[in-house]
């Protein structure tokens, strides 16, 4: 009678590997597609060196956003936070 432990372990490892790969695949596809979409018009404007060099409040005015409060640009340090 064959030893069943030797058979189960490779199958268990293969199943585990397949499960991990299936979880990672959507993340890999998502990472590969980022950067292919054009920026929204306000972000394209903000990326211009002339606008980027302005103070925060002047950037907001240039883009049509309030300088602070609801609807304003969110920042982390000197970077604008964008949710994709």
Protein backbone atom coordinates (compact mmCIF):
# COMPACT_ATOMS: atom_id res chain seq x y z
CA UNK A 1 0.00 0.00 0.00
CA UNK A 2 1.52 3.39 -0.97
CA UNK A 3 2.32 5.97 1.68
CA UNK A 4 -0.44 8.57 1.42
CA UNK A 5 1.51 11.27 3.28
CA UNK A 6 3.93 11.62 0.38
CA UNK A 7 1.04 12.21 -2.00
CA UNK A 8 -0.85 14.69 0.16
CA UNK A 9 2.02 17.05 0.82
CA UNK A 10 2.83 17.91 -2.82
CA UNK A 11 -0.88 18.33 -3.56
CA UNK A 12 -1.33 20.50 -0.48
CA UNK A 13 1.63 22.63 -1.48
CA UNK A 14 0.36 22.97 -5.03
CA UNK A 15 -3.09 23.97 -3.77
CA UNK A 16 -1.57 26.53 -1.42
CA UNK A 17 0.61 27.94 -4.18
CA UNK A 18 -2.40 28.17 -6.52
CA UNK A 19 -4.44 29.97 -3.85
CA UNK A 20 -1.65 32.47 -3.18
CA UNK A 21 -1.12 33.07 -6.91
CA UNK A 22 -4.84 33.69 -7.45
CA UNK A 23 -4.82 36.30 -4.67
CA UNK A 24 -1.77 38.07 -6.08
CA UNK A 25 -2.90 38.11 -9.70
CA UNK A 26 -5.54 40.89 -9.33
CA UNK A 27 -2.98 43.07 -7.52
CA UNK A 28 -0.42 42.50 -10.28
CA UNK A 29 -2.94 43.36 -13.00
CA UNK A 30 -4.01 46.47 -11.10
CA UNK A 31 -0.41 47.60 -10.66
CA UNK A 32 0.28 47.04 -14.35
CA UNK A 33 -2.65 49.21 -15.46
CA UNK A 34 -1.91 52.18 -13.19
CA UNK A 35 -0.48 55.12 -15.03
CA UNK A 36 -2.24 54.35 -18.31
CA UNK A 37 -5.14 56.73 -17.71
CA UNK A 38 -4.65 60.44 -18.36
CA UNK A 39 -4.76 62.74 -15.35
CA UNK A 40 -7.90 64.68 -14.58
CA UNK A 41 -7.71 68.25 -15.94
CA UNK A 42 -7.08 69.87 -12.52
CA UNK A 43 -4.24 67.44 -11.83
CA UNK A 44 -2.77 68.05 -15.28
CA UNK A 45 -2.82 71.78 -14.52
CA UNK A 46 -1.26 71.20 -11.09
CA UNK A 47 1.55 69.16 -12.67
CA UNK A 48 2.67 72.17 -14.73
CA UNK A 49 5.85 73.71 -13.26
CA UNK A 50 4.38 77.24 -13.19
CA UNK A 51 1.38 76.10 -11.11
CA UNK A 52 3.40 73.68 -8.99
CA UNK A 53 5.70 76.54 -7.93
CA UNK A 54 2.80 78.65 -6.59
CA UNK A 55 1.95 78.73 -2.87
CA UNK A 56 -0.77 76.28 -1.78
CA UNK A 57 -3.57 78.88 -1.65
CA UNK A 58 -2.63 80.24 -5.10
CA UNK A 59 -2.64 76.69 -6.51
CA UNK A 60 -6.14 76.16 -5.14
CA UNK A 61 -7.37 79.46 -6.66
CA UNK A 62 -5.75 78.60 -10.02
CA UNK A 63 -7.54 75.25 -10.07
CA UNK A 64 -10.88 76.58 -8.80
CA UNK A 65 -10.78 74.86 -5.40
CA UNK A 66 -11.24 76.47 -1.99
CA UNK A 67 -7.95 77.19 -0.19
CA UNK A 68 -9.14 75.29 2.90
CA UNK A 69 -12.10 73.35 4.23
CA UNK A 70 -14.50 71.11 2.32
CA UNK A 71 -13.55 70.63 -1.31
CA UNK A 72 -10.00 71.89 -0.86
CA UNK A 73 -6.88 70.06 -1.95
CA UNK A 74 -5.70 67.55 0.64
CA UNK A 75 -1.97 67.56 1.30
CA UNK A 76 0.49 65.32 3.05
CA UNK A 77 3.56 67.45 3.58
CA UNK A 78 4.13 69.27 0.29
CA UNK A 79 2.31 66.67 -1.82
CA UNK A 80 -1.30 66.63 -2.94
CA UNK A 81 -3.19 63.49 -1.88
CA UNK A 82 -5.15 61.85 -4.72
CA UNK A 83 -7.45 58.88 -4.30
CA UNK A 84 -7.49 56.52 -7.28
